Amino acid sequence: MHGAFADGSSWTEVIAALQRKGYHVTAVQNPLTSLEDDVSATRRVLARQSGDVILVGHSYAGAVVTEAGNADNVKGIVYLSALVPDSGESVSDLLMRLKAPMDGLKPDNEGFIWLDDPAAYRDVMAGDVPEAHVRILAATQVPISVSAFTGKVSHAAWHDKPTWYLVTEEDHALKVPVQRTLAKQIGAHMTTVKSSHMSLVSHPAVVANLIDRAAKDAQH
């Protein structure tokens, strides 16, 4: 599941790799208008699945899968350089608790935050992605409403479900110590990769293999 400044197409290579392994994959298209709206979009997808599910969230979508992951058919959650609130906590609350404010992101007149300058996108999100692909990512992004950061998780699914966390060690969007702290706080199986924030684009095989491992481990 994509986070802020992205859409489902950012998962293309990961989806292809998982399909080659025989998995049924669905990319949730988050409207990014509020946490509630994004969770609703996820629940619609979960309701269409015929078997057990591994829910995967990147970046802001960590909050979405933390709430939506309470569904009975979700057997595990994979977090990719993701924000992971606790029960009763919003993304804004989490960032304050971790002393990791989001600097320099100003909403437009309708309350949406964009990262549509390709140079800024590359600096923040995708330093190891080819420039031509960065321009595509910037063009296909979905802006995020500031209200998405204030929606609170009712019950954090990671208290009850097994979790995996991929720490991206060359990340300029979410600091590495913050990622490591989150992974440890939720008791996740932690893996690292030398990647920008967009590991799903720059290291799709690593991401697909982690999801594959989570799916297999969650069966035991």
N, C-alpha and C. Protein backbone atom coordinates (compact mmCIF):
# COMPACT_ATOMS: atom_id res chain seq x y z
N MET A 1 0.84 -1.19 0.00
CA MET A 1 0.00 0.00 0.00
C MET A 1 0.88 1.25 0.00
N HIS A 2 0.55 2.16 -0.92
CA HIS A 2 1.36 3.37 -1.05
C HIS A 2 1.07 4.37 0.06
N GLY A 3 2.06 5.22 0.31
CA GLY A 3 1.90 6.28 1.28
C GLY A 3 1.68 7.62 0.60
N ALA A 4 2.15 8.69 1.24
CA ALA A 4 2.01 10.03 0.67
C ALA A 4 2.92 10.18 -0.54
N PHE A 5 2.49 11.03 -1.47
CA PHE A 5 3.28 11.40 -2.65
C PHE A 5 3.56 10.20 -3.56
N ALA A 6 2.63 9.26 -3.60
CA ALA A 6 2.77 8.07 -4.45
C ALA A 6 1.38 7.56 -4.78
N ASP A 7 1.32 6.56 -5.66
CA ASP A 7 0.07 5.83 -5.89
C ASP A 7 0.41 4.36 -6.09
N GLY A 8 -0.59 3.57 -6.41
CA GLY A 8 -0.38 2.13 -6.51
C GLY A 8 0.62 1.71 -7.56
N SER A 9 0.82 2.56 -8.58
CA SER A 9 1.76 2.20 -9.65
C SER A 9 3.20 2.12 -9.16
N SER A 10 3.49 2.73 -8.03
CA SER A 10 4.86 2.67 -7.49
C SER A 10 5.23 1.24 -7.06
N TRP A 11 4.25 0.38 -6.96
CA TRP A 11 4.47 -1.02 -6.55
C TRP A 11 4.63 -1.96 -7.75
N THR A 12 4.68 -1.43 -8.96
CA THR A 12 4.62 -2.26 -10.17
C THR A 12 5.61 -3.42 -10.15
N GLU A 13 6.88 -3.13 -9.87
CA GLU A 13 7.90 -4.18 -9.94
C GLU A 13 7.77 -5.18 -8.79
N VAL A 14 7.36 -4.71 -7.63
CA VAL A 14 7.13 -5.63 -6.51
C VAL A 14 5.95 -6.55 -6.82
N ILE A 15 4.89 -5.98 -7.37
CA ILE A 15 3.71 -6.78 -7.73
C ILE A 15 4.10 -7.85 -8.74
N ALA A 16 4.85 -7.46 -9.77
CA ALA A 16 5.26 -8.43 -10.79
C ALA A 16 6.08 -9.56 -10.19
N ALA A 17 6.99 -9.22 -9.28
CA ALA A 17 7.84 -10.24 -8.64
C ALA A 17 7.00 -11.20 -7.80
N LEU A 18 6.03 -10.67 -7.07
CA LEU A 18 5.18 -11.52 -6.24
C LEU A 18 4.25 -12.39 -7.09
N GLN A 19 3.76 -11.82 -8.19
CA GLN A 19 2.91 -12.62 -9.08
C GLN A 19 3.70 -13.77 -9.68
N ARG A 20 4.97 -13.53 -9.99
CA ARG A 20 5.80 -14.62 -10.51
C ARG A 20 5.98 -15.73 -9.48
N LYS A 21 5.90 -15.34 -8.20
CA LYS A 21 6.01 -16.34 -7.13
C LYS A 21 4.67 -17.04 -6.85
N GLY A 22 3.63 -16.62 -7.56
CA GLY A 22 2.33 -17.27 -7.42
C GLY A 22 1.34 -16.59 -6.50
N TYR A 23 1.67 -15.39 -6.03
CA TYR A 23 0.77 -14.69 -5.12
C TYR A 23 -0.32 -13.92 -5.86
N HIS A 24 -1.48 -13.81 -5.22
CA HIS A 24 -2.52 -12.89 -5.67
C HIS A 24 -2.25 -11.55 -4.98
N VAL A 25 -2.09 -10.50 -5.75
CA VAL A 25 -1.69 -9.19 -5.21
C VAL A 25 -2.71 -8.13 -5.62
N THR A 26 -3.08 -7.28 -4.68
CA THR A 26 -3.92 -6.13 -4.97
C THR A 26 -3.27 -4.89 -4.38
N ALA A 27 -3.13 -3.85 -5.20
CA ALA A 27 -2.59 -2.57 -4.72
C ALA A 27 -3.74 -1.67 -4.29
N VAL A 28 -3.78 -1.33 -3.03
CA VAL A 28 -4.80 -0.40 -2.54
C VAL A 28 -4.47 0.99 -3.06
N GLN A 29 -5.49 1.69 -3.56
CA GLN A 29 -5.31 3.07 -4.00
C GLN A 29 -5.88 3.98 -2.90
N ASN A 30 -5.00 4.49 -2.07
CA ASN A 30 -5.43 5.36 -0.98
C ASN A 30 -5.79 6.75 -1.52
N PRO A 31 -6.96 7.29 -1.12
CA PRO A 31 -7.27 8.66 -1.52
C PRO A 31 -6.41 9.70 -0.80
N LEU A 32 -5.86 9.32 0.35
CA LEU A 32 -5.01 10.21 1.16
C LEU A 32 -5.75 11.46 1.61
N THR A 33 -7.07 11.33 1.76
CA THR A 33 -7.89 12.46 2.22
C THR A 33 -8.08 12.46 3.73
N SER A 34 -7.99 11.29 4.34
CA SER A 34 -8.02 11.16 5.80
C SER A 34 -7.63 9.73 6.13
N LEU A 35 -7.22 9.50 7.36
CA LEU A 35 -6.90 8.13 7.77
C LEU A 35 -8.14 7.25 7.64
N GLU A 36 -9.29 7.78 8.02
CA GLU A 36 -10.54 7.02 7.94
C GLU A 36 -10.84 6.61 6.50
N ASP A 37 -10.68 7.54 5.55
CA ASP A 37 -10.94 7.22 4.15
C ASP A 37 -9.97 6.16 3.63
N ASP A 38 -8.71 6.26 4.03
CA ASP A 38 -7.71 5.29 3.57
C ASP A 38 -7.97 3.91 4.17
N VAL A 39 -8.37 3.86 5.42
CA VAL A 39 -8.71 2.58 6.04
C VAL A 39 -9.94 1.97 5.35
N SER A 40 -10.91 2.81 5.00
CA SER A 40 -12.09 2.31 4.29
C SER A 40 -11.72 1.73 2.94
N ALA A 41 -10.82 2.40 2.21
CA ALA A 41 -10.37 1.88 0.92
C ALA A 41 -9.68 0.53 1.09
N THR A 42 -8.92 0.40 2.16
CA THR A 42 -8.23 -0.86 2.43
C THR A 42 -9.21 -1.97 2.80
N ARG A 43 -10.19 -1.63 3.60
CA ARG A 43 -11.18 -2.65 4.00
C ARG A 43 -11.98 -3.15 2.81
N ARG A 44 -12.24 -2.27 1.84
CA ARG A 44 -12.95 -2.72 0.63
C ARG A 44 -12.12 -3.77 -0.11
N VAL A 45 -10.82 -3.56 -0.16
CA VAL A 45 -9.94 -4.53 -0.83
C VAL A 45 -9.85 -5.82 -0.01
N LEU A 46 -9.71 -5.69 1.30
CA LEU A 46 -9.62 -6.88 2.15
C LEU A 46 -10.87 -7.75 2.01
N ALA A 47 -12.03 -7.12 1.86
CA ALA A 47 -13.28 -7.86 1.75
C ALA A 47 -13.35 -8.70 0.48
N ARG A 48 -12.54 -8.36 -0.52
CA ARG A 48 -12.55 -9.07 -1.79
C ARG A 48 -11.54 -10.22 -1.84
N GLN A 49 -10.74 -10.37 -0.81
CA GLN A 49 -9.72 -11.42 -0.82
C GLN A 49 -10.32 -12.75 -0.38
N SER A 50 -9.93 -13.82 -1.06
CA SER A 50 -10.51 -15.13 -0.78
C SER A 50 -9.68 -15.97 0.20
N GLY A 51 -8.47 -15.51 0.51
CA GLY A 51 -7.61 -16.27 1.41
C GLY A 51 -6.97 -15.38 2.46
N ASP A 52 -5.95 -15.92 3.11
CA ASP A 52 -5.21 -15.15 4.11
C ASP A 52 -4.44 -14.01 3.44
N VAL A 53 -4.24 -12.93 4.19
CA VAL A 53 -3.64 -11.71 3.64
C VAL A 53 -2.42 -11.29 4.45
N ILE A 54 -1.39 -10.89 3.75
CA ILE A 54 -0.28 -10.13 4.34
C ILE A 54 -0.47 -8.68 3.89
N LEU A 55 -0.65 -7.79 4.83
CA LEU A 55 -0.88 -6.38 4.54
C LEU A 55 0.47 -5.66 4.57
N VAL A 56 0.74 -4.87 3.55
CA VAL A 56 2.04 -4.20 3.42
C VAL A 56 1.81 -2.70 3.30
N GLY A 57 2.48 -1.92 4.14
CA GLY A 57 2.32 -0.48 4.11
C GLY A 57 3.65 0.24 4.06
N HIS A 58 3.73 1.23 3.17
CA HIS A 58 4.94 2.04 3.02
C HIS A 58 4.70 3.44 3.57
N SER A 59 5.64 3.93 4.37
CA SER A 59 5.64 5.31 4.82
C SER A 59 4.37 5.63 5.63
N TYR A 60 3.62 6.68 5.23
CA TYR A 60 2.38 7.03 5.94
C TYR A 60 1.41 5.85 6.01
N ALA A 61 1.41 4.99 5.00
CA ALA A 61 0.47 3.87 4.98
C ALA A 61 0.70 2.90 6.13
N GLY A 62 1.82 3.04 6.84
CA GLY A 62 1.99 2.26 8.05
C GLY A 62 0.86 2.49 9.04
N ALA A 63 0.37 3.73 9.10
CA ALA A 63 -0.76 4.03 9.98
C ALA A 63 -2.03 3.34 9.49
N VAL A 64 -2.20 3.29 8.17
CA VAL A 64 -3.40 2.69 7.59
C VAL A 64 -3.44 1.19 7.86
N VAL A 65 -2.32 0.51 7.62
CA VAL A 65 -2.30 -0.95 7.85
C VAL A 65 -2.36 -1.28 9.34
N THR A 66 -1.91 -0.36 10.18
CA THR A 66 -1.99 -0.58 11.63
C THR A 66 -3.44 -0.63 12.09
N GLU A 67 -4.30 0.16 11.47
CA GLU A 67 -5.73 0.13 11.77
C GLU A 67 -6.45 -0.98 11.00
N ALA A 68 -6.23 -1.03 9.69
CA ALA A 68 -6.94 -2.01 8.85
C ALA A 68 -6.48 -3.44 9.12
N GLY A 69 -5.29 -3.58 9.69
CA GLY A 69 -4.74 -4.91 9.95
C GLY A 69 -5.48 -5.70 11.01
N ASN A 70 -6.47 -5.09 11.66
CA ASN A 70 -7.27 -5.82 12.64
C ASN A 70 -8.26 -6.79 11.99
N ALA A 71 -8.42 -6.71 10.68
CA ALA A 71 -9.33 -7.62 9.97
C ALA A 71 -8.91 -9.07 10.20
N ASP A 72 -9.90 -9.95 10.31
CA ASP A 72 -9.62 -11.35 10.64
C ASP A 72 -8.75 -12.05 9.60
N ASN A 73 -8.87 -11.65 8.33
CA ASN A 73 -8.11 -12.36 7.29
C ASN A 73 -6.67 -11.86 7.15
N VAL A 74 -6.30 -10.83 7.90
CA VAL A 74 -4.91 -10.34 7.89
C VAL A 74 -4.10 -11.18 8.87
N LYS A 75 -3.09 -11.87 8.36
CA LYS A 75 -2.29 -12.78 9.18
C LYS A 75 -0.92 -12.20 9.54
N GLY A 76 -0.55 -11.07 8.94
CA GLY A 76 0.71 -10.43 9.25
C GLY A 76 0.79 -9.08 8.56
N ILE A 77 1.67 -8.23 9.05
CA ILE A 77 1.82 -6.88 8.51
C ILE A 77 3.30 -6.61 8.24
N VAL A 78 3.57 -6.11 7.04
CA VAL A 78 4.93 -5.71 6.66
C VAL A 78 4.97 -4.20 6.56
N TYR A 79 5.93 -3.59 7.24
CA TYR A 79 6.12 -2.14 7.22
C TYR A 79 7.40 -1.82 6.46
N LEU A 80 7.30 -0.92 5.48
CA LEU A 80 8.47 -0.45 4.74
C LEU A 80 8.75 0.99 5.13
N SER A 81 9.85 1.22 5.83
CA SER A 81 10.20 2.58 6.30
C SER A 81 8.93 3.36 6.65
N ALA A 82 8.14 2.76 7.54
CA ALA A 82 6.78 3.23 7.77
C ALA A 82 6.59 3.84 9.15
N LEU A 83 5.59 4.70 9.22
CA LEU A 83 5.14 5.26 10.49
C LEU A 83 4.17 4.28 11.13
N VAL A 84 4.37 3.99 12.41
CA VAL A 84 3.57 2.95 13.08
C VAL A 84 3.01 3.52 14.39
N PRO A 85 1.83 4.11 14.35
CA PRO A 85 1.24 4.63 15.58
C PRO A 85 0.80 3.51 16.52
N ASP A 86 0.62 3.86 17.77
CA ASP A 86 0.05 2.95 18.76
C ASP A 86 -1.45 3.21 18.84
N SER A 87 -2.14 2.42 19.61
CA SER A 87 -3.58 2.61 19.82
C SER A 87 -3.83 4.01 20.39
N GLY A 88 -4.83 4.70 19.84
CA GLY A 88 -5.18 6.04 20.29
C GLY A 88 -4.26 7.13 19.82
N GLU A 89 -3.36 6.81 18.91
CA GLU A 89 -2.33 7.75 18.46
C GLU A 89 -2.51 8.07 16.98
N SER A 90 -2.26 9.31 16.61
CA SER A 90 -2.26 9.73 15.20
C SER A 90 -0.82 9.79 14.70
N VAL A 91 -0.67 9.99 13.40
CA VAL A 91 0.67 10.17 12.84
C VAL A 91 1.33 11.40 13.45
N SER A 92 0.57 12.48 13.59
CA SER A 92 1.12 13.70 14.20
C SER A 92 1.57 13.44 15.64
N ASP A 93 0.74 12.72 16.39
CA ASP A 93 1.12 12.36 17.77
C ASP A 93 2.41 11.56 17.78
N LEU A 94 2.50 10.60 16.86
CA LEU A 94 3.68 9.73 16.79
C LEU A 94 4.93 10.54 16.50
N LEU A 95 4.85 11.44 15.53
CA LEU A 95 6.01 12.25 15.16
C LEU A 95 6.45 13.14 16.31
N MET A 96 5.49 13.65 17.08
CA MET A 96 5.83 14.46 18.26
C MET A 96 6.50 13.59 19.32
N ARG A 97 5.96 12.39 19.53
CA ARG A 97 6.54 11.48 20.54
C ARG A 97 7.98 11.11 20.19
N LEU A 98 8.24 10.93 18.90
CA LEU A 98 9.57 10.53 18.46
C LEU A 98 10.50 11.73 18.22
N LYS A 99 9.96 12.94 18.44
CA LYS A 99 10.72 14.17 18.17
C LYS A 99 11.25 14.16 16.74
N ALA A 100 10.35 13.83 15.80
CA ALA A 100 10.72 13.74 14.38
C ALA A 100 9.72 14.51 13.54
N PRO A 101 9.68 15.85 13.70
CA PRO A 101 8.69 16.63 12.95
C PRO A 101 8.95 16.60 11.45
N MET A 102 7.88 16.76 10.67
CA MET A 102 8.01 16.85 9.21
C MET A 102 8.22 18.32 8.85
N ASP A 103 9.43 18.65 8.49
CA ASP A 103 9.77 20.04 8.21
C ASP A 103 9.61 20.37 6.73
N GLY A 104 9.24 21.61 6.45
CA GLY A 104 9.29 22.12 5.08
C GLY A 104 8.15 21.71 4.18
N LEU A 105 7.13 21.05 4.69
CA LEU A 105 6.00 20.64 3.86
C LEU A 105 4.82 21.56 4.15
N LYS A 106 4.47 22.39 3.17
CA LYS A 106 3.41 23.38 3.34
C LYS A 106 2.18 22.98 2.53
N PRO A 107 1.00 22.96 3.16
CA PRO A 107 -0.21 22.61 2.42
C PRO A 107 -0.64 23.71 1.46
N ASP A 108 -1.41 23.32 0.43
CA ASP A 108 -1.98 24.31 -0.48
C ASP A 108 -3.24 24.90 0.15
N ASN A 109 -3.98 25.70 -0.62
CA ASN A 109 -5.15 26.39 -0.06
C ASN A 109 -6.27 25.44 0.35
N GLU A 110 -6.23 24.21 -0.16
CA GLU A 110 -7.26 23.23 0.19
C GLU A 110 -6.76 22.23 1.25
N GLY A 111 -5.58 22.49 1.78
CA GLY A 111 -5.08 21.65 2.86
C GLY A 111 -4.37 20.38 2.42
N PHE A 112 -3.90 20.35 1.16
CA PHE A 112 -3.17 19.19 0.65
C PHE A 112 -1.68 19.53 0.50
N ILE A 113 -0.85 18.55 0.84
CA ILE A 113 0.60 18.70 0.73
C ILE A 113 1.07 17.96 -0.52
N TRP A 114 1.86 18.65 -1.33
CA TRP A 114 2.39 18.09 -2.57
C TRP A 114 3.91 17.98 -2.49
N LEU A 115 4.45 17.07 -3.26
CA LEU A 115 5.90 16.98 -3.46
C LEU A 115 6.12 16.75 -4.96
N ASP A 116 5.66 17.72 -5.74
CA ASP A 116 5.59 17.52 -7.19
C ASP A 116 6.75 18.15 -7.96
N ASP A 117 7.73 18.69 -7.27
CA ASP A 117 8.95 19.13 -7.94
C ASP A 117 9.90 17.93 -8.01
N PRO A 118 10.25 17.47 -9.21
CA PRO A 118 11.06 16.25 -9.32
C PRO A 118 12.39 16.32 -8.57
N ALA A 119 13.03 17.49 -8.56
CA ALA A 119 14.31 17.60 -7.85
C ALA A 119 14.12 17.41 -6.35
N ALA A 120 13.08 18.04 -5.81
CA ALA A 120 12.79 17.88 -4.38
C ALA A 120 12.37 16.45 -4.08
N TYR A 121 11.60 15.86 -5.00
CA TYR A 121 11.15 14.47 -4.82
C TYR A 121 12.35 13.53 -4.72
N ARG A 122 13.31 13.74 -5.60
CA ARG A 122 14.49 12.88 -5.58
C ARG A 122 15.28 13.07 -4.29
N ASP A 123 15.45 14.32 -3.86
CA ASP A 123 16.21 14.59 -2.65
C ASP A 123 15.58 13.93 -1.42
N VAL A 124 14.27 14.02 -1.31
CA VAL A 124 13.58 13.54 -0.11
C VAL A 124 13.26 12.05 -0.18
N MET A 125 12.79 11.61 -1.34
CA MET A 125 12.18 10.29 -1.43
C MET A 125 12.99 9.24 -2.17
N ALA A 126 13.71 9.65 -3.21
CA ALA A 126 14.16 8.66 -4.19
C ALA A 126 15.55 8.94 -4.72
N GLY A 127 16.52 9.11 -3.82
CA GLY A 127 17.87 9.45 -4.24
C GLY A 127 18.58 8.39 -5.04
N ASP A 128 18.11 7.14 -4.97
CA ASP A 128 18.76 6.05 -5.71
C ASP A 128 17.91 5.56 -6.89
N VAL A 129 16.94 6.37 -7.30
CA VAL A 129 16.08 6.04 -8.43
C VAL A 129 16.50 6.87 -9.63
N PRO A 130 16.59 6.27 -10.84
CA PRO A 130 16.97 7.04 -12.03
C PRO A 130 16.08 8.27 -12.23
N GLU A 131 16.69 9.34 -12.72
CA GLU A 131 15.99 10.62 -12.82
C GLU A 131 14.70 10.52 -13.63
N ALA A 132 14.72 9.78 -14.72
CA ALA A 132 13.52 9.66 -15.55
C ALA A 132 12.38 9.01 -14.78
N HIS A 133 12.71 8.05 -13.95
CA HIS A 133 11.69 7.38 -13.14
C HIS A 133 11.20 8.29 -12.02
N VAL A 134 12.09 9.11 -11.48
CA VAL A 134 11.68 10.07 -10.45
C VAL A 134 10.64 11.03 -11.01
N ARG A 135 10.83 11.45 -12.26
CA ARG A 135 9.86 12.36 -12.88
C ARG A 135 8.49 11.69 -13.00
N ILE A 136 8.48 10.39 -13.28
CA ILE A 136 7.21 9.66 -13.35
C ILE A 136 6.57 9.58 -11.97
N LEU A 137 7.37 9.28 -10.95
CA LEU A 137 6.85 9.21 -9.59
C LEU A 137 6.25 10.55 -9.17
N ALA A 138 6.94 11.63 -9.49
CA ALA A 138 6.44 12.96 -9.14
C ALA A 138 5.15 13.27 -9.88
N ALA A 139 5.05 12.79 -11.13
CA ALA A 139 3.86 13.06 -11.94
C ALA A 139 2.65 12.26 -11.50
N THR A 140 2.87 11.05 -10.98
CA THR A 140 1.75 10.17 -10.64
C THR A 140 1.39 10.20 -9.16
N GLN A 141 2.08 11.00 -8.38
CA GLN A 141 1.83 11.04 -6.95
C GLN A 141 0.41 11.49 -6.63
N VAL A 142 -0.03 11.11 -5.45
CA VAL A 142 -1.27 11.62 -4.88
C VAL A 142 -0.89 12.52 -3.71
N PRO A 143 -1.34 13.77 -3.69
CA PRO A 143 -1.04 14.63 -2.54
C PRO A 143 -1.81 14.15 -1.32
N ILE A 144 -1.31 14.50 -0.15
CA ILE A 144 -1.95 14.03 1.09
C ILE A 144 -2.55 15.21 1.85
N SER A 145 -3.75 15.00 2.36
CA SER A 145 -4.41 16.02 3.17
C SER A 145 -3.76 16.09 4.55
N VAL A 146 -3.64 17.29 5.07
CA VAL A 146 -3.07 17.43 6.41
C VAL A 146 -3.92 16.70 7.45
N SER A 147 -5.22 16.54 7.15
CA SER A 147 -6.10 15.86 8.10
C SER A 147 -5.76 14.38 8.25
N ALA A 148 -5.05 13.81 7.25
CA ALA A 148 -4.66 12.40 7.35
C ALA A 148 -3.70 12.17 8.51
N PHE A 149 -2.97 13.22 8.88
CA PHE A 149 -1.99 13.08 9.95
C PHE A 149 -2.60 13.16 11.34
N THR A 150 -3.87 13.58 11.41
CA THR A 150 -4.49 13.77 12.73
C THR A 150 -5.49 12.68 13.09
N GLY A 151 -5.81 11.80 12.13
CA GLY A 151 -6.71 10.68 12.44
C GLY A 151 -6.04 9.69 13.37
N LYS A 152 -6.75 9.26 14.40
CA LYS A 152 -6.16 8.39 15.41
C LYS A 152 -6.49 6.91 15.15
N VAL A 153 -5.51 6.07 15.37
CA VAL A 153 -5.70 4.62 15.29
C VAL A 153 -6.52 4.18 16.51
N SER A 154 -7.56 3.36 16.28
CA SER A 154 -8.37 2.90 17.42
C SER A 154 -7.66 1.79 18.18
N HIS A 155 -7.25 0.75 17.46
CA HIS A 155 -6.49 -0.34 18.07
C HIS A 155 -5.37 -0.73 17.11
N ALA A 156 -4.14 -0.68 17.59
CA ALA A 156 -2.98 -0.98 16.74
C ALA A 156 -2.86 -2.48 16.55
N ALA A 157 -3.00 -2.92 15.29
CA ALA A 157 -3.02 -4.36 14.99
C ALA A 157 -1.70 -5.05 15.33
N TRP A 158 -0.61 -4.28 15.39
CA TRP A 158 0.68 -4.92 15.66
C TRP A 158 0.77 -5.52 17.07
N HIS A 159 -0.17 -5.14 17.93
CA HIS A 159 -0.20 -5.77 19.26
C HIS A 159 -0.60 -7.25 19.16
N ASP A 160 -1.33 -7.60 18.09
CA ASP A 160 -1.91 -8.94 17.97
C ASP A 160 -1.41 -9.74 16.77
N LYS A 161 -0.80 -9.08 15.80
CA LYS A 161 -0.39 -9.75 14.57
C LYS A 161 1.14 -9.71 14.44
N PRO A 162 1.74 -10.74 13.83
CA PRO A 162 3.19 -10.70 13.59
C PRO A 162 3.54 -9.59 12.60
N THR A 163 4.70 -8.98 12.79
CA THR A 163 5.09 -7.85 11.95
C THR A 163 6.53 -7.99 11.47
N TRP A 164 6.78 -7.36 10.32
CA TRP A 164 8.11 -7.27 9.74
C TRP A 164 8.35 -5.81 9.40
N TYR A 165 9.60 -5.36 9.52
CA TYR A 165 9.90 -3.94 9.26
C TYR A 165 11.18 -3.86 8.44
N LEU A 166 11.10 -3.19 7.29
CA LEU A 166 12.28 -2.95 6.45
C LEU A 166 12.79 -1.54 6.71
N VAL A 167 14.00 -1.45 7.27
CA VAL A 167 14.66 -0.17 7.53
C VAL A 167 15.47 0.22 6.30
N THR A 168 15.20 1.40 5.76
CA THR A 168 15.93 1.90 4.59
C THR A 168 17.03 2.84 5.06
N GLU A 169 18.28 2.40 4.86
CA GLU A 169 19.42 3.03 5.53
C GLU A 169 19.94 4.29 4.85
N GLU A 170 19.40 4.65 3.68
CA GLU A 170 19.80 5.90 3.02
C GLU A 170 18.57 6.79 2.82
N ASP A 171 17.72 6.79 3.83
CA ASP A 171 16.41 7.45 3.78
C ASP A 171 16.52 8.90 4.22
N HIS A 172 16.02 9.82 3.39
CA HIS A 172 16.00 11.24 3.75
C HIS A 172 14.60 11.71 4.14
N ALA A 173 13.62 10.81 4.10
CA ALA A 173 12.25 11.18 4.46
C ALA A 173 11.92 10.79 5.90
N LEU A 174 12.36 9.60 6.31
CA LEU A 174 12.13 9.13 7.68
C LEU A 174 13.47 8.64 8.22
N LYS A 175 13.97 9.33 9.22
CA LYS A 175 15.33 9.07 9.69
C LYS A 175 15.50 7.63 10.16
N VAL A 176 16.68 7.09 9.88
CA VAL A 176 16.97 5.69 10.19
C VAL A 176 16.79 5.38 11.68
N PRO A 177 17.29 6.22 12.60
CA PRO A 177 17.08 5.91 14.02
C PRO A 177 15.60 5.83 14.39
N VAL A 178 14.77 6.65 13.75
CA VAL A 178 13.33 6.61 14.00
C VAL A 178 12.75 5.28 13.53
N GLN A 179 13.17 4.86 12.34
CA GLN A 179 12.70 3.57 11.82
C GLN A 179 13.09 2.42 12.75
N ARG A 180 14.34 2.44 13.19
CA ARG A 180 14.80 1.36 14.08
C ARG A 180 14.04 1.37 15.41
N THR A 181 13.78 2.55 15.93
CA THR A 181 13.02 2.67 17.17
C THR A 181 11.63 2.08 17.00
N LEU A 182 10.98 2.41 15.89
CA LEU A 182 9.63 1.90 15.65
C LEU A 182 9.63 0.38 15.52
N ALA A 183 10.59 -0.14 14.76
CA ALA A 183 10.67 -1.59 14.56
C ALA A 183 10.83 -2.31 15.90
N LYS A 184 11.67 -1.75 16.77
CA LYS A 184 11.90 -2.37 18.08
C LYS A 184 10.68 -2.24 18.98
N GLN A 185 10.02 -1.08 18.92
CA GLN A 185 8.87 -0.85 19.80
C GLN A 185 7.72 -1.80 19.50
N ILE A 186 7.57 -2.18 18.23
CA ILE A 186 6.45 -3.07 17.89
C ILE A 186 6.87 -4.54 17.88
N GLY A 187 8.14 -4.81 18.15
CA GLY A 187 8.62 -6.18 18.18
C GLY A 187 8.67 -6.83 16.81
N ALA A 188 8.96 -6.05 15.79
CA ALA A 188 8.96 -6.55 14.41
C ALA A 188 10.24 -7.33 14.10
N HIS A 189 10.13 -8.24 13.15
CA HIS A 189 11.32 -8.86 12.54
C HIS A 189 11.95 -7.79 11.65
N MET A 190 13.12 -7.31 12.00
CA MET A 190 13.70 -6.16 11.31
C MET A 190 14.73 -6.59 10.28
N THR A 191 14.63 -6.00 9.09
CA THR A 191 15.57 -6.19 8.00
C THR A 191 16.03 -4.83 7.53
N THR A 192 17.25 -4.74 7.00
CA THR A 192 17.76 -3.47 6.50
C THR A 192 18.15 -3.59 5.03
N VAL A 193 18.11 -2.45 4.34
CA VAL A 193 18.57 -2.37 2.96
C VAL A 193 19.15 -0.98 2.74
N LYS A 194 20.23 -0.90 1.98
CA LYS A 194 20.83 0.40 1.66
C LYS A 194 20.00 1.02 0.54
N SER A 195 19.01 1.78 0.92
CA SER A 195 18.03 2.30 -0.03
C SER A 195 17.52 3.65 0.42
N SER A 196 17.01 4.39 -0.55
CA SER A 196 16.25 5.60 -0.26
C SER A 196 14.90 5.21 0.34
N HIS A 197 14.05 6.19 0.57
CA HIS A 197 12.72 5.94 1.12
C HIS A 197 11.89 5.05 0.20
N MET A 198 12.15 5.11 -1.11
CA MET A 198 11.35 4.37 -2.09
C MET A 198 11.96 3.01 -2.41
N SER A 199 12.16 2.20 -1.40
CA SER A 199 12.76 0.87 -1.61
C SER A 199 11.92 0.01 -2.54
N LEU A 200 10.63 0.20 -2.55
CA LEU A 200 9.75 -0.57 -3.41
C LEU A 200 10.02 -0.31 -4.88
N VAL A 201 10.65 0.84 -5.19
CA VAL A 201 11.02 1.17 -6.57
C VAL A 201 12.47 0.80 -6.84
N SER A 202 13.37 1.14 -5.92
CA SER A 202 14.80 0.94 -6.17
C SER A 202 15.28 -0.47 -5.83
N HIS A 203 14.57 -1.17 -4.95
CA HIS A 203 14.97 -2.52 -4.55
C HIS A 203 13.74 -3.44 -4.50
N PRO A 204 13.04 -3.58 -5.62
CA PRO A 204 11.80 -4.37 -5.60
C PRO A 204 12.00 -5.83 -5.24
N ALA A 205 13.13 -6.41 -5.63
CA ALA A 205 13.37 -7.83 -5.30
C ALA A 205 13.52 -8.01 -3.80
N VAL A 206 14.22 -7.09 -3.14
CA VAL A 206 14.38 -7.16 -1.68
C VAL A 206 13.02 -7.07 -1.00
N VAL A 207 12.20 -6.14 -1.46
CA VAL A 207 10.87 -5.95 -0.86
C VAL A 207 10.00 -7.18 -1.11
N ALA A 208 10.00 -7.68 -2.34
CA ALA A 208 9.19 -8.86 -2.67
C ALA A 208 9.62 -10.08 -1.86
N ASN A 209 10.92 -10.25 -1.69
CA ASN A 209 11.42 -11.39 -0.91
C ASN A 209 11.03 -11.29 0.56
N LEU A 210 11.02 -10.06 1.09
CA LEU A 210 10.59 -9.87 2.48
C LEU A 210 9.12 -10.23 2.64
N ILE A 211 8.29 -9.79 1.70
CA ILE A 211 6.86 -10.10 1.75
C ILE A 211 6.64 -11.61 1.62
N ASP A 212 7.40 -12.23 0.73
CA ASP A 212 7.32 -13.68 0.55
C ASP A 212 7.67 -14.40 1.86
N ARG A 213 8.74 -13.94 2.51
CA ARG A 213 9.15 -14.56 3.78
C ARG A 213 8.08 -14.37 4.85
N ALA A 214 7.51 -13.17 4.90
CA ALA A 214 6.46 -12.90 5.88
C ALA A 214 5.25 -13.81 5.65
N ALA A 215 4.88 -13.98 4.38
CA ALA A 215 3.73 -14.82 4.06
C ALA A 215 3.97 -16.26 4.50
N LYS A 216 5.18 -16.74 4.27
CA LYS A 216 5.50 -18.12 4.65
C LYS A 216 5.60 -18.28 6.17
N ASP A 217 6.23 -17.31 6.83
CA ASP A 217 6.38 -17.39 8.29
C ASP A 217 5.03 -17.27 9.00
N ALA A 218 4.13 -16.47 8.43
CA ALA A 218 2.83 -16.24 9.07
C ALA A 218 1.94 -17.48 9.03
N GLN A 219 2.29 -18.43 8.19
CA GLN A 219 1.50 -19.67 8.10
C GLN A 219 1.80 -20.62 9.25
N HIS A 220 2.93 -20.40 9.94
CA HIS A 220 3.35 -21.33 10.99
C HIS A 220 2.80 -20.91 12.35
